[in-house]
PDB file of all heavy atoms in Angstrom:
ATOM      1  N   PRO A   1     126.580  87.475  78.816  1.00  0.00           N
ATOM      2  CA  PRO A   1     126.915  88.830  79.290  1.00  0.00           C
ATOM      3  C   PRO A   1     125.659  89.642  79.617  1.00  0.00           C
ATOM      4  O   PRO A   1     124.622  89.501  78.981  1.00  0.00           O
ATOM      5  CB  PRO A   1     127.678  89.441  78.110  1.00  0.00           C
ATOM      6  CG  PRO A   1     128.173  88.277  77.317  1.00  0.00           C
ATOM      7  CD  PRO A   1     127.145  87.191  77.486  1.00  0.00           C
ATOM      8  N   ILE A   2     125.791  90.516  80.625  1.00  0.00           N
ATOM      9  CA  ILE A   2     124.709  91.419  81.008  1.00  0.00           C
ATOM     10  C   ILE A   2     125.268  92.831  81.133  1.00  0.00           C
ATOM     11  O   ILE A   2     126.467  93.023  81.327  1.00  0.00           O
ATOM     12  CB  ILE A   2     124.046  91.012  82.337  1.00  0.00           C
ATOM     13  CG1 ILE A   2     125.087  91.007  83.465  1.00  0.00           C
ATOM     14  CG2 ILE A   2     123.367  89.671  82.229  1.00  0.00           C
ATOM     15  CD1 ILE A   2     124.492  90.846  84.832  1.00  0.00           C
ATOM     16  N   ALA A   3     124.384  93.821  81.016  1.00  0.00           N
ATOM     17  CA  ALA A   3     124.809  95.225  81.149  1.00  0.00           C
ATOM     18  C   ALA A   3     125.113  95.539  82.609  1.00  0.00           C
ATOM     19  O   ALA A   3     124.529  94.955  83.521  1.00  0.00           O
ATOM     20  CB  ALA A   3     123.719  96.148  80.623  1.00  0.00           C
ATOM     21  N   ASN A   4     126.048  96.484  82.821  1.00  0.00           N
ATOM     22  CA  ASN A   4     126.454  96.837  84.182  1.00  0.00           C
ATOM     23  C   ASN A   4     125.309  97.414  85.001  1.00  0.00           C
ATOM     24  O   ASN A   4     125.235  97.233  86.210  1.00  0.00           O
ATOM     25  CB  ASN A   4     127.613  97.845  84.146  1.00  0.00           C
ATOM     26  CG  ASN A   4     128.882  97.224  83.596  1.00  0.00           C
ATOM     27  OD1 ASN A   4     129.099  96.023  83.743  1.00  0.00           O
ATOM     28  ND2 ASN A   4     129.722  98.038  82.969  1.00  0.00           N
ATOM     29  N   ASP A   5     124.392  98.153  84.322  1.00  0.00           N
ATOM     30  CA  ASP A   5     123.302  98.792  85.074  1.00  0.00           C
ATOM     31  C   ASP A   5     122.132  97.847  85.305  1.00  0.00           C
ATOM     32  O   ASP A   5     121.080  98.267  85.774  1.00  0.00           O
ATOM     33  CB  ASP A   5     122.823 100.051  84.344  1.00  0.00           C
ATOM     34  CG  ASP A   5     122.297  99.754  82.942  1.00  0.00           C
ATOM     35  OD1 ASP A   5     122.461  98.606  82.483  1.00  0.00           O
ATOM     36  OD2 ASP A   5     121.738 100.668  82.308  1.00  0.00           O
ATOM     37  N   GLU A   6     122.278  96.560  84.973  1.00  0.00           N
ATOM     38  CA  GLU A   6     121.200  95.604  85.194  1.00  0.00           C
ATOM     39  C   GLU A   6     121.482  94.709  86.388  1.00  0.00           C
ATOM     40  O   GLU A   6     120.779  93.725  86.608  1.00  0.00           O
ATOM     41  CB  GLU A   6     120.967  94.765  83.937  1.00  0.00           C
ATOM     42  CG  GLU A   6     120.331  95.546  82.810  1.00  0.00           C
ATOM     43  CD  GLU A   6     119.421  94.688  81.957  1.00  0.00           C
ATOM     44  OE1 GLU A   6     119.171  93.540  82.315  1.00  0.00           O
ATOM     45  OE2 GLU A   6     118.981  95.195  80.914  1.00  0.00           O
ATOM     46  N   ASN A   7     122.527  95.020  87.134  1.00  0.00           N
ATOM     47  CA  ASN A   7     122.827  94.212  88.311  1.00  0.00           C
ATOM     48  C   ASN A   7     123.216  95.106  89.489  1.00  0.00           C
ATOM     49  O   ASN A   7     124.306  94.952  90.061  1.00  0.00           O
ATOM     50  CB  ASN A   7     123.943  93.210  88.000  1.00  0.00           C
ATOM     51  CG  ASN A   7     124.188  92.254  89.148  1.00  0.00           C
ATOM     52  OD1 ASN A   7     123.302  91.992  89.955  1.00  0.00           O
ATOM     53  ND2 ASN A   7     125.407  91.730  89.239  1.00  0.00           N
ATOM     54  N   PRO A   8     122.355  96.057  89.864  1.00  0.00           N
ATOM     55  CA  PRO A   8     122.693  96.925  91.007  1.00  0.00           C
ATOM     56  C   PRO A   8     122.652  96.137  92.316  1.00  0.00           C
ATOM     57  O   PRO A   8     121.985  95.102  92.414  1.00  0.00           O
ATOM     58  CB  PRO A   8     121.613  98.000  90.969  1.00  0.00           C
ATOM     59  CG  PRO A   8     120.458  97.346  90.302  1.00  0.00           C
ATOM     60  CD  PRO A   8     121.025  96.385  89.305  1.00  0.00           C
ATOM     61  N   ALA A   9     123.354  96.645  93.290  1.00  0.00           N
ATOM     62  CA  ALA A   9     123.369  95.971  94.591  1.00  0.00           C
ATOM     63  C   ALA A   9     121.988  95.963  95.219  1.00  0.00           C
ATOM     64  O   ALA A   9     121.553  94.952  95.785  1.00  0.00           O
ATOM     65  CB  ALA A   9     124.374  96.653  95.513  1.00  0.00           C
ATOM     66  N   ALA A  10     121.266  97.089  95.141  1.00  0.00           N
ATOM     67  CA  ALA A  10     119.962  97.216  95.810  1.00  0.00           C
ATOM     68  C   ALA A  10     118.813  97.027  94.824  1.00  0.00           C
ATOM     69  O   ALA A  10     118.873  97.502  93.690  1.00  0.00           O
ATOM     70  CB  ALA A  10     119.842  98.578  96.480  1.00  0.00           C
ATOM     71  N   THR A  11     117.766  96.350  95.263  1.00  0.00           N
ATOM     72  CA  THR A  11     116.553  96.230  94.445  1.00  0.00           C
ATOM     73  C   THR A  11     115.951  97.601  94.182  1.00  0.00           C
ATOM     74  O   THR A  11     115.535  97.909  93.073  1.00  0.00           O
ATOM     75  CB  THR A  11     115.531  95.331  95.158  1.00  0.00           C
ATOM     76  OG1 THR A  11     116.130  94.057  95.424  1.00  0.00           O
ATOM     77  CG2 THR A  11     114.286  95.151  94.312  1.00  0.00           C
ATOM     78  N   MET A  12     115.891  98.427  95.219  1.00  0.00           N
ATOM     79  CA  MET A  12     115.475  99.827  95.079  1.00  0.00           C
ATOM     80  C   MET A  12     116.273 100.624  96.109  1.00  0.00           C
ATOM     81  O   MET A  12     116.046 100.492  97.305  1.00  0.00           O
ATOM     82  CB  MET A  12     113.969 100.005  95.313  1.00  0.00           C
ATOM     83  CG  MET A  12     113.472 101.429  95.075  1.00  0.00           C
ATOM     84  SD  MET A  12     111.669 101.549  95.153  1.00  0.00           S
ATOM     85  CE  MET A  12     111.381 101.392  96.904  1.00  0.00           C
ATOM     86  N   GLU A  13     117.199 101.439  95.629  1.00  0.00           N
ATOM     87  CA  GLU A  13     118.090 102.142  96.554  1.00  0.00           C
ATOM     88  C   GLU A  13     117.370 103.306  97.215  1.00  0.00           C
ATOM     89  O   GLU A  13     116.822 104.180  96.539  1.00  0.00           O
ATOM     90  CB  GLU A  13     119.333 102.651  95.813  1.00  0.00           C
ATOM     91  CG  GLU A  13     120.372 103.234  96.746  1.00  0.00           C
ATOM     92  CD  GLU A  13     121.617 103.695  96.019  1.00  0.00           C
ATOM     93  OE1 GLU A  13     121.698 103.518  94.775  1.00  0.00           O
ATOM     94  OE2 GLU A  13     122.513 104.244  96.685  1.00  0.00           O
ATOM     95  N   LEU A  14     117.386 103.307  98.535  1.00  0.00           N
ATOM     96  CA  LEU A  14     116.735 104.355  99.320  1.00  0.00           C
ATOM     97  C   LEU A  14     117.790 105.185 100.031  1.00  0.00           C
ATOM     98  O   LEU A  14     118.811 104.665 100.488  1.00  0.00           O
ATOM     99  CB  LEU A  14     115.787 103.732 100.340  1.00  0.00           C
ATOM    100  CG  LEU A  14     114.607 102.971  99.713  1.00  0.00           C
ATOM    101  CD1 LEU A  14     114.043 101.957 100.686  1.00  0.00           C
ATOM    102  CD2 LEU A  14     113.516 103.935  99.275  1.00  0.00           C
ATOM    103  N   VAL A  15     117.533 106.490 100.101  1.00  0.00           N
ATOM    104  CA  VAL A  15     118.447 107.418 100.753  1.00  0.00           C
ATOM    105  C   VAL A  15     117.803 107.887 102.051  1.00  0.00           C
ATOM    106  O   VAL A  15     116.646 108.301 102.072  1.00  0.00           O
ATOM    107  CB  VAL A  15     118.743 108.636  99.846  1.00  0.00           C
ATOM    108  CG1 VAL A  15     119.633 109.629 100.567  1.00  0.00           C
ATOM    109  CG2 VAL A  15     119.382 108.182  98.542  1.00  0.00           C
ATOM    110  N   VAL A  16     118.549 107.795 103.143  1.00  0.00           N
ATOM    111  CA  VAL A  16     118.088 108.284 104.443  1.00  0.00           C
ATOM    112  C   VAL A  16     119.093 109.337 104.905  1.00  0.00           C
ATOM    113  O   VAL A  16     120.290 109.061 105.002  1.00  0.00           O
ATOM    114  CB  VAL A  16     117.998 107.146 105.474  1.00  0.00           C
ATOM    115  CG1 VAL A  16     117.452 107.674 106.799  1.00  0.00           C
ATOM    116  CG2 VAL A  16     117.118 106.019 104.949  1.00  0.00           C
ATOM    117  N   SER A  17     118.605 110.558 105.169  1.00  0.00           N
ATOM    118  CA  SER A  17     119.524 111.652 105.511  1.00  0.00           C
ATOM    119  C   SER A  17     118.885 112.594 106.527  1.00  0.00           C
ATOM    120  O   SER A  17     117.670 112.563 106.752  1.00  0.00           O
ATOM    121  CB  SER A  17     119.923 112.425 104.251  1.00  0.00           C
ATOM    122  OG  SER A  17     118.779 113.007 103.652  1.00  0.00           O
ATOM    123  N   ASP A  18     119.729 113.449 107.098  1.00  0.00           N
ATOM    124  CA  ASP A  18     119.249 114.428 108.079  1.00  0.00           C
ATOM    125  C   ASP A  18     118.653 115.664 107.417  1.00  0.00           C
ATOM    126  O   ASP A  18     117.931 116.426 108.058  1.00  0.00           O
ATOM    127  CB  ASP A  18     120.397 114.854 109.005  1.00  0.00           C
ATOM    128  CG  ASP A  18     120.884 113.697 109.865  1.00  0.00           C
ATOM    129  OD1 ASP A  18     120.049 112.847 110.233  1.00  0.00           O
ATOM    130  OD2 ASP A  18     122.098 113.627 110.133  1.00  0.00           O
ATOM    131  N   SER A  19     118.966 115.893 106.135  1.00  0.00           N
ATOM    132  CA  SER A  19     118.430 117.048 105.406  1.00  0.00           C
ATOM    133  C   SER A  19     117.646 116.572 104.192  1.00  0.00           C
ATOM    134  O   SER A  19     117.876 115.477 103.680  1.00  0.00           O
ATOM    135  CB  SER A  19     119.567 117.981 104.961  1.00  0.00           C
ATOM    136  OG  SER A  19     120.489 117.273 104.159  1.00  0.00           O
ATOM    137  N   ASP A  20     116.733 117.409 103.739  1.00  0.00           N
ATOM    138  CA  ASP A  20     115.885 117.051 102.601  1.00  0.00           C
ATOM    139  C   ASP A  20     116.731 117.001 101.328  1.00  0.00           C
ATOM    140  O   ASP A  20     117.333 117.999 100.943  1.00  0.00           O
ATOM    141  CB  ASP A  20     114.778 118.097 102.452  1.00  0.00           C
ATOM    142  CG  ASP A  20     113.693 117.647 101.491  1.00  0.00           C
ATOM    143  OD1 ASP A  20     113.806 116.521 100.957  1.00  0.00           O
ATOM    144  OD2 ASP A  20     112.750 118.410 101.266  1.00  0.00           O
ATOM    145  N   PRO A  21     116.810 115.825 100.666  1.00  0.00           N
ATOM    146  CA  PRO A  21     117.611 115.735  99.438  1.00  0.00           C
ATOM    147  C   PRO A  21     116.983 116.553  98.311  1.00  0.00           C
ATOM    148  O   PRO A  21     115.876 116.263  97.874  1.00  0.00           O
ATOM    149  CB  PRO A  21     117.615 114.233  99.106  1.00  0.00           C
ATOM    150  CG  PRO A  21     116.472 113.659  99.856  1.00  0.00           C
ATOM    151  CD  PRO A  21     116.203 114.551 101.025  1.00  0.00           C
ATOM    152  N   ASP A  22     117.723 117.625  97.827  1.00  0.00           N
ATOM    153  CA  ASP A  22     117.101 118.537  96.836  1.00  0.00           C
ATOM    154  C   ASP A  22     116.813 117.884  95.500  1.00  0.00           C
ATOM    155  O   ASP A  22     115.880 118.267  94.834  1.00  0.00           O
ATOM    156  CB  ASP A  22     117.951 119.800  96.554  1.00  0.00           C
ATOM    157  CG  ASP A  22     119.189 119.910  97.345  1.00  0.00           C
ATOM    158  OD1 ASP A  22     119.288 119.198  98.287  1.00  0.00           O
ATOM    159  OD2 ASP A  22     120.013 120.746  97.008  1.00  0.00           O
ATOM    160  N   LYS A  23     117.624 116.908  95.073  1.00  0.00           N
ATOM    161  CA  LYS A  23     117.473 116.358  93.721  1.00  0.00           C
ATOM    162  C   LYS A  23     116.570 115.119  93.670  1.00  0.00           C
ATOM    163  O   LYS A  23     116.399 114.522  92.614  1.00  0.00           O
ATOM    164  CB  LYS A  23     118.846 116.018  93.154  1.00  0.00           C
ATOM    165  CG  LYS A  23     119.743 117.253  92.973  1.00  0.00           C
ATOM    166  CD  LYS A  23     121.045 116.871  92.303  1.00  0.00           C
ATOM    167  CE  LYS A  23     121.929 118.113  92.108  1.00  0.00           C
ATOM    168  NZ  LYS A  23     123.231 117.780  91.479  1.00  0.00           N
ATOM    169  N   ALA A  24     116.016 114.742  94.786  1.00  0.00           N
ATOM    170  CA  ALA A  24     115.152 113.558  94.809  1.00  0.00           C
ATOM    171  C   ALA A  24     113.802 113.873  94.174  1.00  0.00           C
ATOM    172  O   ALA A  24     113.268 114.970  94.337  1.00  0.00           O
ATOM    173  CB  ALA A  24     114.956 113.071  96.239  1.00  0.00           C
ATOM    174  N   ASP A  25     113.249 112.909  93.430  1.00  0.00           N
ATOM    175  CA  ASP A  25     111.914 113.084  92.854  1.00  0.00           C
ATOM    176  C   ASP A  25     110.858 113.209  93.941  1.00  0.00           C
ATOM    177  O   ASP A  25     109.866 113.923  93.786  1.00  0.00           O
ATOM    178  CB  ASP A  25     111.566 111.890  91.958  1.00  0.00           C
ATOM    179  CG  ASP A  25     112.450 111.820  90.721  1.00  0.00           C
ATOM    180  OD1 ASP A  25     113.200 112.780  90.474  1.00  0.00           O
ATOM    181  OD2 ASP A  25     112.400 110.803  90.002  1.00  0.00           O
ATOM    182  N   LEU A  26     111.064 112.502  95.045  1.00  0.00           N
ATOM    183  CA  LEU A  26     110.052 112.433  96.087  1.00  0.00           C
ATOM    184  C   LEU A  26     110.743 112.114  97.413  1.00  0.00           C
ATOM    185  O   LEU A  26     111.652 111.288  97.462  1.00  0.00           O
ATOM    186  CB  LEU A  26     109.044 111.320  95.761  1.00  0.00           C
ATOM    187  CG  LEU A  26     107.814 111.197  96.630  1.00  0.00           C
ATOM    188  CD1 LEU A  26     106.838 112.325  96.323  1.00  0.00           C
ATOM    189  CD2 LEU A  26     107.126 109.851  96.379  1.00  0.00           C
ATOM    190  N   SER A  27     110.342 112.796  98.475  1.00  0.00           N
ATOM    191  CA  SER A  27     110.920 112.505  99.788  1.00  0.00           C
ATOM    192  C   SER A  27     109.867 112.715 100.860  1.00  0.00           C
ATOM    193  O   SER A  27     108.884 113.435 100.664  1.00  0.00           O
ATOM    194  CB  SER A  27     112.136 113.397 100.057  1.00  0.00           C
ATOM    195  OG  SER A  27     111.744 114.755 100.166  1.00  0.00           O
ATOM    196  N   ILE A  28     110.067 112.059 102.011  1.00  0.00           N
ATOM    197  CA  ILE A  28     109.171 112.228 103.157  1.00  0.00           C
ATOM    198  C   ILE A  28     110.023 112.385 104.416  1.00  0.00           C
ATOM    199  O   ILE A  28     111.199 111.986 104.435  1.00  0.00           O
ATOM    200  CB  ILE A  28     108.183 111.045 103.303  1.00  0.00           C
ATOM    201  CG1 ILE A  28     108.945 109.709 103.444  1.00  0.00           C
ATOM    202  CG2 ILE A  28     107.221 110.994 102.139  1.00  0.00           C
ATOM    203  CD1 ILE A  28     109.009 109.174 104.827  1.00  0.00           C
ATOM    204  N   TYR A  29     109.400 112.961 105.437  1.00  0.00           N
ATOM    205  CA  TYR A  29     110.091 113.125 106.718  1.00  0.00           C
ATOM    206  C   TYR A  29     109.431 112.192 107.719  1.00  0.00           C
ATOM    207  O   TYR A  29     108.220 112.247 107.939  1.00  0.00           O
ATOM    208  CB  TYR A  29     109.986 114.570 107.195  1.00  0.00           C
ATOM    209  CG  TYR A  29     110.759 114.856 108.459  1.00  0.00           C
ATOM    210  CD1 TYR A  29     112.144 114.973 108.446  1.00  0.00           C
ATOM    211  CD2 TYR A  29     110.090 115.003 109.670  1.00  0.00           C
ATOM    212  CE1 TYR A  29     112.855 115.231 109.610  1.00  0.00           C
ATOM    213  CE2 TYR A  29     110.781 115.269 110.844  1.00  0.00           C
ATOM    214  CZ  TYR A  29     112.172 115.378 110.808  1.00  0.00           C
ATOM    215  OH  TYR A  29     112.869 115.625 111.961  1.00  0.00           O
ATOM    216  N   SER A  30     110.223 111.296 108.303  1.00  0.00           N
ATOM    217  CA  SER A  30     109.669 110.322 109.232  1.00  0.00           C
ATOM    218  C   SER A  30     110.738 109.915 110.230  1.00  0.00           C
ATOM    219  O   SER A  30     111.911 109.747 109.868  1.00  0.00           O
ATOM    220  CB  SER A  30     109.178 109.080 108.467  1.00  0.00           C
ATOM    221  OG  SER A  30     108.707 108.085 109.346  1.00  0.00           O
ATOM    222  N   HIS A  31     110.317 109.764 111.487  1.00  0.00           N
ATOM    223  CA  HIS A  31     111.220 109.310 112.549  1.00  0.00           C
ATOM    224  C   HIS A  31     112.481 110.180 112.636  1.00  0.00           C
ATOM    225  O   HIS A  31     113.590 109.692 112.864  1.00  0.00           O
ATOM    226  CB  HIS A  31     111.612 107.848 112.333  1.00  0.00           C
ATOM    227  CG  HIS A  31     110.440 106.914 112.330  1.00  0.00           C
ATOM    228  ND1 HIS A  31     109.674 106.682 111.198  1.00  0.00           N
ATOM    229  CD2 HIS A  31     109.880 106.165 113.331  1.00  0.00           C
ATOM    230  CE1 HIS A  31     108.708 105.816 111.489  1.00  0.00           C
ATOM    231  NE2 HIS A  31     108.812 105.483 112.775  1.00  0.00           N
TER     232      HIS A  31
END
């Protein structure tokens, strides 16, 4: 058995949006 949070779909989940995500630790504007 393994914990549910040890098998996420993404290796590192990235968010791409049209507006600056307020709750993100770090964001950049590109393209």
